[in-house]
Amino acid sequence: TGIMLPDKAVLYVCGIEDGSYKADKIDFWDNVYGFNMKVIKDIALSEPLVDMVDSKAVMSNIKPILSLDILTCTVDDLKFEADVQLKAFRQDYCHALCAFFECGFTQIHKPIVFSTSPHATYTHWKQTVFYFKEPMTVCNGETINANIKCAPNTKNARDLDIAITYSFDGSSGKVPEKTQSYRLR
């Protein structure tokens, strides 16, 4: 006889330009006071960053990759695969994919939606950033193709293993299909 709130959730992804932050936090490991510490860079790239993403950094359209009915979903629903095509709406670099969620409270008198989008008001959930090893130069109207696979980690069910396979073929060049793996802790 009770209700569950929220009762709906959608996970979204978009492309972002984030060169300054990536240079400070990721590329920093290429030369740490004269020492090559690229092994740390590889570790840093495998761990998604949970932080605020400025709405001005979003350089592509936003696509849903998972919809959940929280009333009926199971742990198995956390294992999913999604193909997305992200279309650039300006000429820019794409340094990463940004993921965020929205929750719907649809069982109440006046349904509302709560968003963690870079375009929404700040929340402590922030956004999750998946940096690419190399940025892509993308022109307005060009498309980045990505396949996102997500599954609970076999050793720690609270962690998620995420593999992103992406490619790009635009006027600035071709990025052949590449796959990067991440662990969200």
N, C-alpha and C. Protein backbone atom coordinates (compact mmCIF):
# COMPACT_ATOMS: atom_id res chain seq x y z
N THR A 1 0.82 -1.21 0.00
CA THR A 1 0.00 0.00 0.00
C THR A 1 0.86 1.26 0.00
N GLY A 2 2.16 1.11 -0.02
CA GLY A 2 3.04 2.28 -0.04
C GLY A 2 3.42 2.66 -1.46
N ILE A 3 4.22 3.69 -1.58
CA ILE A 3 4.75 4.09 -2.88
C ILE A 3 6.27 4.18 -2.77
N MET A 4 6.95 4.04 -3.90
CA MET A 4 8.40 4.15 -3.96
C MET A 4 8.74 5.45 -4.68
N LEU A 5 9.61 6.24 -4.08
CA LEU A 5 10.04 7.50 -4.66
C LEU A 5 11.56 7.58 -4.65
N PRO A 6 12.19 7.91 -5.75
CA PRO A 6 11.60 8.05 -7.08
C PRO A 6 11.22 6.69 -7.64
N ASP A 7 10.45 6.69 -8.72
CA ASP A 7 10.00 5.44 -9.31
C ASP A 7 10.49 5.23 -10.74
N LYS A 8 11.09 6.22 -11.33
CA LYS A 8 11.65 6.12 -12.68
C LYS A 8 13.05 6.73 -12.68
N ALA A 9 13.94 6.19 -13.53
CA ALA A 9 15.29 6.75 -13.66
C ALA A 9 15.77 6.55 -15.09
N VAL A 10 16.51 7.54 -15.58
CA VAL A 10 17.09 7.48 -16.92
C VAL A 10 18.55 7.91 -16.81
N LEU A 11 19.44 7.15 -17.46
CA LEU A 11 20.86 7.47 -17.52
C LEU A 11 21.15 8.03 -18.91
N TYR A 12 21.87 9.15 -18.94
CA TYR A 12 22.18 9.85 -20.19
C TYR A 12 23.69 9.95 -20.39
N VAL A 13 24.09 10.21 -21.63
CA VAL A 13 25.50 10.43 -21.94
C VAL A 13 25.60 11.52 -23.02
N CYS A 14 26.71 12.28 -22.97
CA CYS A 14 27.00 13.30 -23.98
C CYS A 14 28.51 13.44 -24.10
N GLY A 15 28.95 14.13 -25.14
CA GLY A 15 30.37 14.42 -25.31
C GLY A 15 30.70 15.76 -24.68
N ILE A 16 31.93 15.87 -24.12
CA ILE A 16 32.34 17.14 -23.52
C ILE A 16 33.75 17.52 -23.95
N GLU A 17 34.00 18.82 -23.98
CA GLU A 17 35.34 19.38 -24.14
C GLU A 17 35.81 19.70 -22.74
N ASP A 18 36.93 19.11 -22.34
CA ASP A 18 37.42 19.31 -20.98
C ASP A 18 38.94 19.29 -20.94
N GLY A 19 39.55 19.96 -21.91
CA GLY A 19 41.00 19.93 -22.06
C GLY A 19 41.77 20.47 -20.88
N SER A 20 41.30 21.53 -20.28
CA SER A 20 42.03 22.16 -19.18
C SER A 20 42.10 21.23 -17.97
N TYR A 21 40.97 20.66 -17.58
CA TYR A 21 40.95 19.77 -16.42
C TYR A 21 41.75 18.50 -16.71
N LYS A 22 41.59 17.96 -17.93
CA LYS A 22 42.32 16.75 -18.29
C LYS A 22 43.82 17.01 -18.26
N ALA A 23 44.26 18.16 -18.71
CA ALA A 23 45.69 18.49 -18.67
C ALA A 23 46.20 18.56 -17.23
N ASP A 24 45.40 19.16 -16.35
CA ASP A 24 45.81 19.30 -14.95
C ASP A 24 45.82 17.98 -14.20
N LYS A 25 44.83 17.14 -14.41
CA LYS A 25 44.65 15.95 -13.58
C LYS A 25 45.09 14.64 -14.23
N ILE A 26 45.10 14.57 -15.55
CA ILE A 26 45.45 13.32 -16.22
C ILE A 26 46.82 13.44 -16.92
N ASP A 27 46.96 14.41 -17.80
CA ASP A 27 48.21 14.57 -18.55
C ASP A 27 49.37 14.98 -17.65
N PHE A 28 49.08 15.48 -16.47
CA PHE A 28 50.08 15.83 -15.46
C PHE A 28 51.07 14.68 -15.24
N TRP A 29 50.58 13.44 -15.33
CA TRP A 29 51.41 12.27 -15.03
C TRP A 29 52.46 11.99 -16.10
N ASP A 30 52.40 12.64 -17.26
CA ASP A 30 53.42 12.45 -18.30
C ASP A 30 54.78 12.99 -17.85
N ASN A 31 54.75 14.03 -17.01
CA ASN A 31 56.00 14.65 -16.57
C ASN A 31 55.78 15.26 -15.19
N VAL A 32 56.10 14.50 -14.15
CA VAL A 32 55.93 14.96 -12.78
C VAL A 32 57.31 15.41 -12.29
N TYR A 33 57.56 16.70 -12.38
CA TYR A 33 58.84 17.28 -11.97
C TYR A 33 60.01 16.54 -12.62
N GLY A 34 59.86 16.25 -13.93
CA GLY A 34 60.92 15.61 -14.68
C GLY A 34 60.85 14.09 -14.70
N PHE A 35 59.90 13.49 -14.00
CA PHE A 35 59.78 12.03 -13.97
C PHE A 35 58.58 11.59 -14.80
N ASN A 36 58.79 10.56 -15.62
CA ASN A 36 57.73 9.98 -16.43
C ASN A 36 56.94 9.01 -15.55
N MET A 37 55.69 9.36 -15.28
CA MET A 37 54.85 8.51 -14.43
C MET A 37 53.59 8.10 -15.18
N LYS A 38 53.77 7.75 -16.47
CA LYS A 38 52.64 7.39 -17.32
C LYS A 38 51.87 6.19 -16.79
N VAL A 39 52.50 5.34 -16.01
CA VAL A 39 51.79 4.19 -15.45
C VAL A 39 50.65 4.68 -14.54
N ILE A 40 50.85 5.78 -13.85
CA ILE A 40 49.79 6.36 -13.02
C ILE A 40 48.71 6.97 -13.91
N LYS A 41 49.12 7.53 -15.04
CA LYS A 41 48.15 8.11 -15.98
C LYS A 41 47.18 7.03 -16.47
N ASP A 42 47.70 5.84 -16.77
CA ASP A 42 46.83 4.75 -17.22
C ASP A 42 45.82 4.37 -16.14
N ILE A 43 46.25 4.38 -14.89
CA ILE A 43 45.34 4.08 -13.78
C ILE A 43 44.29 5.19 -13.66
N ALA A 44 44.74 6.44 -13.77
CA ALA A 44 43.81 7.58 -13.66
C ALA A 44 42.77 7.54 -14.78
N LEU A 45 43.18 7.14 -15.98
CA LEU A 45 42.24 7.06 -17.10
C LEU A 45 41.22 5.94 -16.92
N SER A 46 41.55 4.92 -16.14
CA SER A 46 40.63 3.79 -15.97
C SER A 46 39.59 4.04 -14.88
N GLU A 47 39.74 5.13 -14.14
CA GLU A 47 38.78 5.45 -13.08
C GLU A 47 37.98 6.69 -13.49
N PRO A 48 36.70 6.54 -13.75
CA PRO A 48 35.90 7.71 -14.12
C PRO A 48 35.95 8.77 -13.03
N LEU A 49 35.88 10.00 -13.44
CA LEU A 49 35.92 11.13 -12.53
C LEU A 49 34.49 11.55 -12.19
N VAL A 50 34.17 11.64 -10.92
CA VAL A 50 32.88 12.15 -10.49
C VAL A 50 33.10 13.58 -10.03
N ASP A 51 32.59 14.52 -10.81
CA ASP A 51 32.82 15.93 -10.53
C ASP A 51 31.79 16.76 -11.29
N MET A 52 31.78 18.05 -11.01
CA MET A 52 30.89 18.96 -11.71
C MET A 52 31.41 19.21 -13.12
N VAL A 53 30.53 19.15 -14.09
CA VAL A 53 30.84 19.47 -15.48
C VAL A 53 30.09 20.74 -15.82
N ASP A 54 30.82 21.74 -16.27
CA ASP A 54 30.21 23.01 -16.67
C ASP A 54 29.34 22.77 -17.90
N SER A 55 28.18 23.34 -17.92
CA SER A 55 27.28 23.15 -19.07
C SER A 55 27.91 23.63 -20.37
N LYS A 56 28.84 24.58 -20.30
CA LYS A 56 29.51 25.08 -21.50
C LYS A 56 30.45 24.03 -22.10
N ALA A 57 30.81 23.01 -21.32
CA ALA A 57 31.70 21.96 -21.81
C ALA A 57 30.97 20.97 -22.71
N VAL A 58 29.66 20.88 -22.59
CA VAL A 58 28.88 19.94 -23.41
C VAL A 58 28.98 20.39 -24.86
N MET A 59 29.45 19.46 -25.74
CA MET A 59 29.66 19.82 -27.14
C MET A 59 28.88 18.92 -28.11
N SER A 60 28.02 18.05 -27.56
CA SER A 60 27.22 17.18 -28.42
C SER A 60 25.79 17.12 -27.88
N ASN A 61 24.96 16.46 -28.65
CA ASN A 61 23.62 16.20 -28.15
C ASN A 61 23.70 15.22 -26.98
N ILE A 62 22.60 15.07 -26.27
CA ILE A 62 22.52 14.19 -25.11
C ILE A 62 21.61 13.02 -25.47
N LYS A 63 22.08 11.80 -25.15
CA LYS A 63 21.31 10.61 -25.51
C LYS A 63 21.06 9.74 -24.28
N PRO A 64 19.84 9.20 -24.14
CA PRO A 64 19.58 8.24 -23.06
C PRO A 64 20.22 6.89 -23.39
N ILE A 65 20.79 6.23 -22.37
CA ILE A 65 21.38 4.91 -22.60
C ILE A 65 20.74 3.82 -21.74
N LEU A 66 19.97 4.21 -20.72
CA LEU A 66 19.30 3.23 -19.87
C LEU A 66 18.09 3.87 -19.21
N SER A 67 16.96 3.20 -19.28
CA SER A 67 15.74 3.63 -18.58
C SER A 67 15.33 2.53 -17.61
N LEU A 68 15.05 2.92 -16.38
CA LEU A 68 14.67 1.96 -15.35
C LEU A 68 13.33 2.32 -14.73
N ASP A 69 12.51 1.31 -14.57
CA ASP A 69 11.32 1.43 -13.74
C ASP A 69 11.75 0.92 -12.37
N ILE A 70 11.98 1.81 -11.44
CA ILE A 70 12.53 1.44 -10.14
C ILE A 70 11.58 0.52 -9.37
N LEU A 71 10.31 0.55 -9.70
CA LEU A 71 9.35 -0.34 -9.04
C LEU A 71 9.58 -1.80 -9.39
N THR A 72 10.13 -2.07 -10.58
CA THR A 72 10.24 -3.45 -11.03
C THR A 72 11.66 -3.88 -11.40
N CYS A 73 12.63 -2.97 -11.39
CA CYS A 73 13.97 -3.33 -11.84
C CYS A 73 14.66 -4.28 -10.86
N THR A 74 15.66 -5.00 -11.39
CA THR A 74 16.45 -5.93 -10.59
C THR A 74 17.92 -5.62 -10.77
N VAL A 75 18.76 -6.29 -10.01
CA VAL A 75 20.21 -6.10 -10.13
C VAL A 75 20.67 -6.44 -11.54
N ASP A 76 20.02 -7.39 -12.18
CA ASP A 76 20.39 -7.77 -13.54
C ASP A 76 20.22 -6.62 -14.53
N ASP A 77 19.35 -5.68 -14.22
CA ASP A 77 19.15 -4.53 -15.11
C ASP A 77 20.37 -3.60 -15.13
N LEU A 78 21.27 -3.74 -14.16
CA LEU A 78 22.49 -2.93 -14.16
C LEU A 78 23.49 -3.43 -15.19
N LYS A 79 23.24 -4.61 -15.73
CA LYS A 79 24.06 -5.13 -16.81
C LYS A 79 23.35 -4.76 -18.11
N PHE A 80 23.96 -3.84 -18.85
CA PHE A 80 23.30 -3.38 -20.08
C PHE A 80 24.33 -3.01 -21.12
N GLU A 81 23.86 -2.86 -22.34
CA GLU A 81 24.68 -2.41 -23.46
C GLU A 81 23.86 -1.42 -24.27
N ALA A 82 24.51 -0.33 -24.68
CA ALA A 82 23.80 0.70 -25.45
C ALA A 82 24.71 1.24 -26.55
N ASP A 83 24.12 1.41 -27.72
CA ASP A 83 24.81 2.08 -28.83
C ASP A 83 24.28 3.50 -28.91
N VAL A 84 25.20 4.46 -29.02
CA VAL A 84 24.78 5.86 -29.13
C VAL A 84 25.54 6.54 -30.25
N GLN A 85 24.88 7.51 -30.84
CA GLN A 85 25.50 8.38 -31.82
C GLN A 85 25.37 9.79 -31.28
N LEU A 86 26.51 10.39 -30.98
CA LEU A 86 26.53 11.74 -30.42
C LEU A 86 26.93 12.72 -31.50
N LYS A 87 26.03 13.64 -31.79
CA LYS A 87 26.23 14.61 -32.86
C LYS A 87 26.74 15.93 -32.27
N ALA A 88 27.89 16.39 -32.76
CA ALA A 88 28.47 17.64 -32.28
C ALA A 88 27.62 18.81 -32.74
N PHE A 89 27.40 19.78 -31.85
CA PHE A 89 26.66 20.98 -32.25
C PHE A 89 27.58 22.19 -32.37
N ARG A 90 28.90 21.94 -32.31
CA ARG A 90 29.88 23.00 -32.57
C ARG A 90 31.21 22.32 -32.90
N GLN A 91 32.10 23.08 -33.52
CA GLN A 91 33.44 22.56 -33.77
C GLN A 91 34.22 22.65 -32.47
N ASP A 92 34.76 21.50 -32.03
CA ASP A 92 35.44 21.48 -30.73
C ASP A 92 36.19 20.16 -30.59
N TYR A 93 36.90 20.03 -29.51
CA TYR A 93 37.51 18.77 -29.13
C TYR A 93 36.51 18.00 -28.29
N CYS A 94 36.56 16.68 -28.39
CA CYS A 94 35.80 15.84 -27.48
C CYS A 94 36.83 15.06 -26.67
N HIS A 95 36.95 15.41 -25.39
CA HIS A 95 37.92 14.77 -24.50
C HIS A 95 37.34 13.60 -23.73
N ALA A 96 36.01 13.55 -23.62
CA ALA A 96 35.41 12.56 -22.74
C ALA A 96 33.92 12.42 -23.01
N LEU A 97 33.37 11.36 -22.45
CA LEU A 97 31.91 11.23 -22.37
C LEU A 97 31.51 11.58 -20.94
N CYS A 98 30.37 12.21 -20.82
CA CYS A 98 29.84 12.61 -19.52
C CYS A 98 28.51 11.88 -19.33
N ALA A 99 28.36 11.22 -18.19
CA ALA A 99 27.12 10.52 -17.86
C ALA A 99 26.45 11.19 -16.67
N PHE A 100 25.13 11.19 -16.70
CA PHE A 100 24.34 11.75 -15.59
C PHE A 100 22.97 11.09 -15.62
N PHE A 101 22.20 11.31 -14.55
CA PHE A 101 20.90 10.67 -14.48
C PHE A 101 19.80 11.67 -14.12
N GLU A 102 18.59 11.25 -14.42
CA GLU A 102 17.38 11.96 -13.99
C GLU A 102 16.47 10.94 -13.32
N CYS A 103 15.79 11.38 -12.27
CA CYS A 103 14.83 10.54 -11.56
C CYS A 103 13.46 11.18 -11.64
N GLY A 104 12.46 10.35 -11.85
CA GLY A 104 11.09 10.83 -11.91
C GLY A 104 10.30 10.38 -10.69
N PHE A 105 9.55 11.29 -10.15
CA PHE A 105 8.63 11.02 -9.05
C PHE A 105 7.24 11.10 -9.67
N THR A 106 6.79 9.98 -10.25
CA THR A 106 5.56 10.01 -11.05
C THR A 106 4.33 9.53 -10.30
N GLN A 107 4.49 9.03 -9.08
CA GLN A 107 3.36 8.49 -8.33
C GLN A 107 2.75 9.51 -7.37
N ILE A 108 3.11 10.76 -7.53
CA ILE A 108 2.57 11.78 -6.63
C ILE A 108 1.62 12.70 -7.38
N HIS A 109 0.90 13.52 -6.63
CA HIS A 109 -0.13 14.38 -7.22
C HIS A 109 0.42 15.26 -8.34
N LYS A 110 1.56 15.88 -8.11
CA LYS A 110 2.21 16.70 -9.13
C LYS A 110 3.57 16.08 -9.44
N PRO A 111 3.63 15.21 -10.46
CA PRO A 111 4.90 14.54 -10.78
C PRO A 111 6.02 15.55 -11.04
N ILE A 112 7.23 15.19 -10.59
CA ILE A 112 8.39 16.05 -10.80
C ILE A 112 9.57 15.20 -11.26
N VAL A 113 10.56 15.88 -11.85
CA VAL A 113 11.79 15.22 -12.30
C VAL A 113 12.96 15.92 -11.63
N PHE A 114 13.88 15.11 -11.15
CA PHE A 114 15.11 15.58 -10.52
C PHE A 114 16.25 15.23 -11.47
N SER A 115 17.09 16.20 -11.82
CA SER A 115 18.15 15.98 -12.80
C SER A 115 19.53 16.29 -12.24
N THR A 116 20.52 15.48 -12.68
CA THR A 116 21.92 15.76 -12.36
C THR A 116 22.67 16.20 -13.61
N SER A 117 21.95 16.68 -14.60
CA SER A 117 22.54 17.14 -15.86
C SER A 117 23.50 18.31 -15.61
N PRO A 118 24.51 18.46 -16.48
CA PRO A 118 25.36 19.66 -16.39
C PRO A 118 24.55 20.95 -16.56
N HIS A 119 23.37 20.84 -17.18
CA HIS A 119 22.52 22.02 -17.40
C HIS A 119 21.58 22.29 -16.22
N ALA A 120 21.55 21.38 -15.25
CA ALA A 120 20.64 21.52 -14.10
C ALA A 120 21.37 22.15 -12.92
N THR A 121 20.59 22.50 -11.90
CA THR A 121 21.15 23.03 -10.67
C THR A 121 22.06 21.99 -10.02
N TYR A 122 23.14 22.45 -9.40
CA TYR A 122 24.12 21.58 -8.75
C TYR A 122 23.47 20.60 -7.77
N THR A 123 23.95 19.36 -7.80
CA THR A 123 23.59 18.37 -6.78
C THR A 123 24.88 17.70 -6.31
N HIS A 124 24.85 17.08 -5.16
CA HIS A 124 26.06 16.40 -4.69
C HIS A 124 26.36 15.14 -5.50
N TRP A 125 25.45 14.68 -6.36
CA TRP A 125 25.72 13.52 -7.20
C TRP A 125 26.63 13.88 -8.37
N LYS A 126 26.62 15.14 -8.78
CA LYS A 126 27.49 15.63 -9.84
C LYS A 126 27.29 14.84 -11.13
N GLN A 127 28.35 14.71 -11.94
CA GLN A 127 28.31 13.94 -13.17
C GLN A 127 29.51 12.99 -13.16
N THR A 128 29.50 12.01 -14.06
CA THR A 128 30.61 11.06 -14.17
C THR A 128 31.25 11.23 -15.53
N VAL A 129 32.58 11.42 -15.53
CA VAL A 129 33.33 11.71 -16.75
C VAL A 129 34.23 10.53 -17.09
N PHE A 130 34.14 10.08 -18.34
CA PHE A 130 34.96 8.99 -18.86
C PHE A 130 35.91 9.58 -19.90
N TYR A 131 37.16 9.84 -19.49
CA TYR A 131 38.12 10.46 -20.40
C TYR A 131 38.63 9.47 -21.43
N PHE A 132 38.81 9.97 -22.67
CA PHE A 132 39.47 9.20 -23.73
C PHE A 132 40.97 9.39 -23.58
N LYS A 133 41.74 8.43 -24.06
CA LYS A 133 43.20 8.57 -24.02
C LYS A 133 43.63 9.75 -24.88
N GLU A 134 43.00 9.91 -26.04
CA GLU A 134 43.31 11.02 -26.95
C GLU A 134 42.02 11.73 -27.32
N PRO A 135 42.04 13.07 -27.39
CA PRO A 135 40.82 13.79 -27.78
C PRO A 135 40.54 13.63 -29.28
N MET A 136 39.30 13.89 -29.64
CA MET A 136 38.90 13.90 -31.04
C MET A 136 38.55 15.33 -31.44
N THR A 137 38.98 15.74 -32.63
CA THR A 137 38.59 17.04 -33.16
C THR A 137 37.34 16.82 -34.00
N VAL A 138 36.24 17.43 -33.57
CA VAL A 138 34.94 17.17 -34.19
C VAL A 138 34.35 18.48 -34.70
N CYS A 139 33.81 18.43 -35.89
CA CYS A 139 33.17 19.61 -36.48
C CYS A 139 31.66 19.55 -36.25
N ASN A 140 31.03 20.72 -36.33
CA ASN A 140 29.59 20.83 -36.16
C ASN A 140 28.88 19.85 -37.10
N GLY A 141 27.97 19.04 -36.54
CA GLY A 141 27.19 18.10 -37.34
C GLY A 141 27.81 16.72 -37.47
N GLU A 142 29.07 16.56 -37.07
CA GLU A 142 29.71 15.24 -37.17
C GLU A 142 29.33 14.37 -35.98
N THR A 143 29.47 13.06 -36.16
CA THR A 143 28.96 12.10 -35.18
C THR A 143 30.06 11.21 -34.62
N ILE A 144 30.04 11.07 -33.30
CA ILE A 144 30.89 10.10 -32.60
C ILE A 144 30.00 8.90 -32.31
N ASN A 145 30.47 7.72 -32.70
CA ASN A 145 29.73 6.48 -32.44
C ASN A 145 30.33 5.81 -31.22
N ALA A 146 29.47 5.37 -30.30
CA ALA A 146 29.95 4.71 -29.09
C ALA A 146 29.04 3.54 -28.73
N ASN A 147 29.67 2.51 -28.20
CA ASN A 147 28.97 1.37 -27.63
C ASN A 147 29.40 1.31 -26.17
N ILE A 148 28.44 1.31 -25.26
CA ILE A 148 28.72 1.33 -23.83
C ILE A 148 28.18 0.04 -23.22
N LYS A 149 29.08 -0.70 -22.58
CA LYS A 149 28.70 -1.93 -21.88
C LYS A 149 28.96 -1.72 -20.39
N CYS A 150 28.01 -2.11 -19.58
CA CYS A 150 28.11 -1.92 -18.14
C CYS A 150 27.65 -3.19 -17.43
N ALA A 151 28.41 -3.60 -16.40
CA ALA A 151 28.04 -4.77 -15.61
C ALA A 151 28.62 -4.62 -14.22
N PRO A 152 27.93 -5.16 -13.21
CA PRO A 152 28.51 -5.17 -11.86
C PRO A 152 29.82 -5.95 -11.86
N ASN A 153 30.79 -5.48 -11.12
CA ASN A 153 32.08 -6.15 -10.99
C ASN A 153 31.87 -7.49 -10.29
N THR A 154 32.55 -8.52 -10.74
CA THR A 154 32.36 -9.86 -10.17
C THR A 154 32.91 -10.00 -8.76
N LYS A 155 33.90 -9.16 -8.39
CA LYS A 155 34.49 -9.26 -7.05
C LYS A 155 33.83 -8.33 -6.05
N ASN A 156 33.29 -7.21 -6.53
CA ASN A 156 32.64 -6.25 -5.64
C ASN A 156 31.37 -5.75 -6.34
N ALA A 157 30.23 -6.23 -5.91
CA ALA A 157 28.96 -5.90 -6.57
C ALA A 157 28.62 -4.41 -6.51
N ARG A 158 29.30 -3.65 -5.65
CA ARG A 158 29.06 -2.21 -5.59
C ARG A 158 29.80 -1.45 -6.69
N ASP A 159 30.80 -2.10 -7.30
CA ASP A 159 31.56 -1.48 -8.39
C ASP A 159 30.91 -1.85 -9.72
N LEU A 160 31.09 -0.98 -10.70
CA LEU A 160 30.62 -1.26 -12.06
C LEU A 160 31.81 -1.30 -13.00
N ASP A 161 31.85 -2.31 -13.86
CA ASP A 161 32.83 -2.40 -14.93
C ASP A 161 32.17 -1.86 -16.19
N ILE A 162 32.84 -0.89 -16.81
CA ILE A 162 32.27 -0.21 -17.97
C ILE A 162 33.29 -0.25 -19.10
N ALA A 163 32.86 -0.67 -20.28
CA ALA A 163 33.70 -0.66 -21.47
C ALA A 163 33.04 0.25 -22.49
N ILE A 164 33.81 1.20 -23.00
CA ILE A 164 33.30 2.12 -24.02
C ILE A 164 34.13 1.91 -25.28
N THR A 165 33.45 1.48 -26.34
CA THR A 165 34.08 1.34 -27.64
C THR A 165 33.58 2.50 -28.49
N TYR A 166 34.51 3.25 -29.07
CA TYR A 166 34.11 4.45 -29.81
C TYR A 166 34.90 4.56 -31.10
N SER A 167 34.31 5.29 -32.04
CA SER A 167 34.97 5.58 -33.32
C SER A 167 34.43 6.90 -33.83
N PHE A 168 35.19 7.47 -34.76
CA PHE A 168 34.81 8.75 -35.34
C PHE A 168 35.44 8.84 -36.72
N ASP A 169 34.68 9.31 -37.68
CA ASP A 169 35.19 9.52 -39.03
C ASP A 169 34.63 10.85 -39.51
N GLY A 170 35.46 11.90 -39.40
CA GLY A 170 35.00 13.23 -39.76
C GLY A 170 35.99 13.95 -40.65
N SER A 171 35.70 15.19 -40.94
CA SER A 171 36.55 15.98 -41.83
C SER A 171 37.93 16.23 -41.26
N SER A 172 38.07 16.18 -39.93
CA SER A 172 39.37 16.42 -39.29
C SER A 172 40.20 15.14 -39.18
N GLY A 173 39.63 14.02 -39.56
CA GLY A 173 40.37 12.76 -39.49
C GLY A 173 39.51 11.63 -39.01
N LYS A 174 40.12 10.46 -38.99
CA LYS A 174 39.40 9.25 -38.59
C LYS A 174 40.02 8.71 -37.31
N VAL A 175 39.16 8.36 -36.37
CA VAL A 175 39.59 7.66 -35.17
C VAL A 175 39.05 6.24 -35.32
N PRO A 176 39.96 5.28 -35.58
CA PRO A 176 39.48 3.91 -35.72
C PRO A 176 38.89 3.42 -34.40
N GLU A 177 38.10 2.37 -34.48
CA GLU A 177 37.43 1.86 -33.29
C GLU A 177 38.44 1.56 -32.18
N LYS A 178 38.17 2.12 -31.00
CA LYS A 178 39.00 1.92 -29.82
C LYS A 178 38.10 1.55 -28.66
N THR A 179 38.64 0.76 -27.73
CA THR A 179 37.89 0.40 -26.53
C THR A 179 38.69 0.79 -25.31
N GLN A 180 38.02 1.43 -24.37
CA GLN A 180 38.63 1.76 -23.08
C GLN A 180 37.76 1.13 -21.98
N SER A 181 38.43 0.61 -20.97
CA SER A 181 37.73 0.01 -19.83
C SER A 181 37.87 0.88 -18.62
N TYR A 182 36.81 0.93 -17.82
CA TYR A 182 36.75 1.76 -16.63
C TYR A 182 36.14 0.94 -15.48
N ARG A 183 36.51 1.30 -14.27
CA ARG A 183 35.86 0.74 -13.09
C ARG A 183 35.33 1.89 -12.26
N LEU A 184 34.02 1.91 -12.09
CA LEU A 184 33.36 2.94 -11.28
C LEU A 184 33.18 2.37 -9.89
N ARG A 185 33.85 2.98 -8.92
CA ARG A 185 33.82 2.49 -7.55
C ARG A 185 32.85 3.28 -6.71
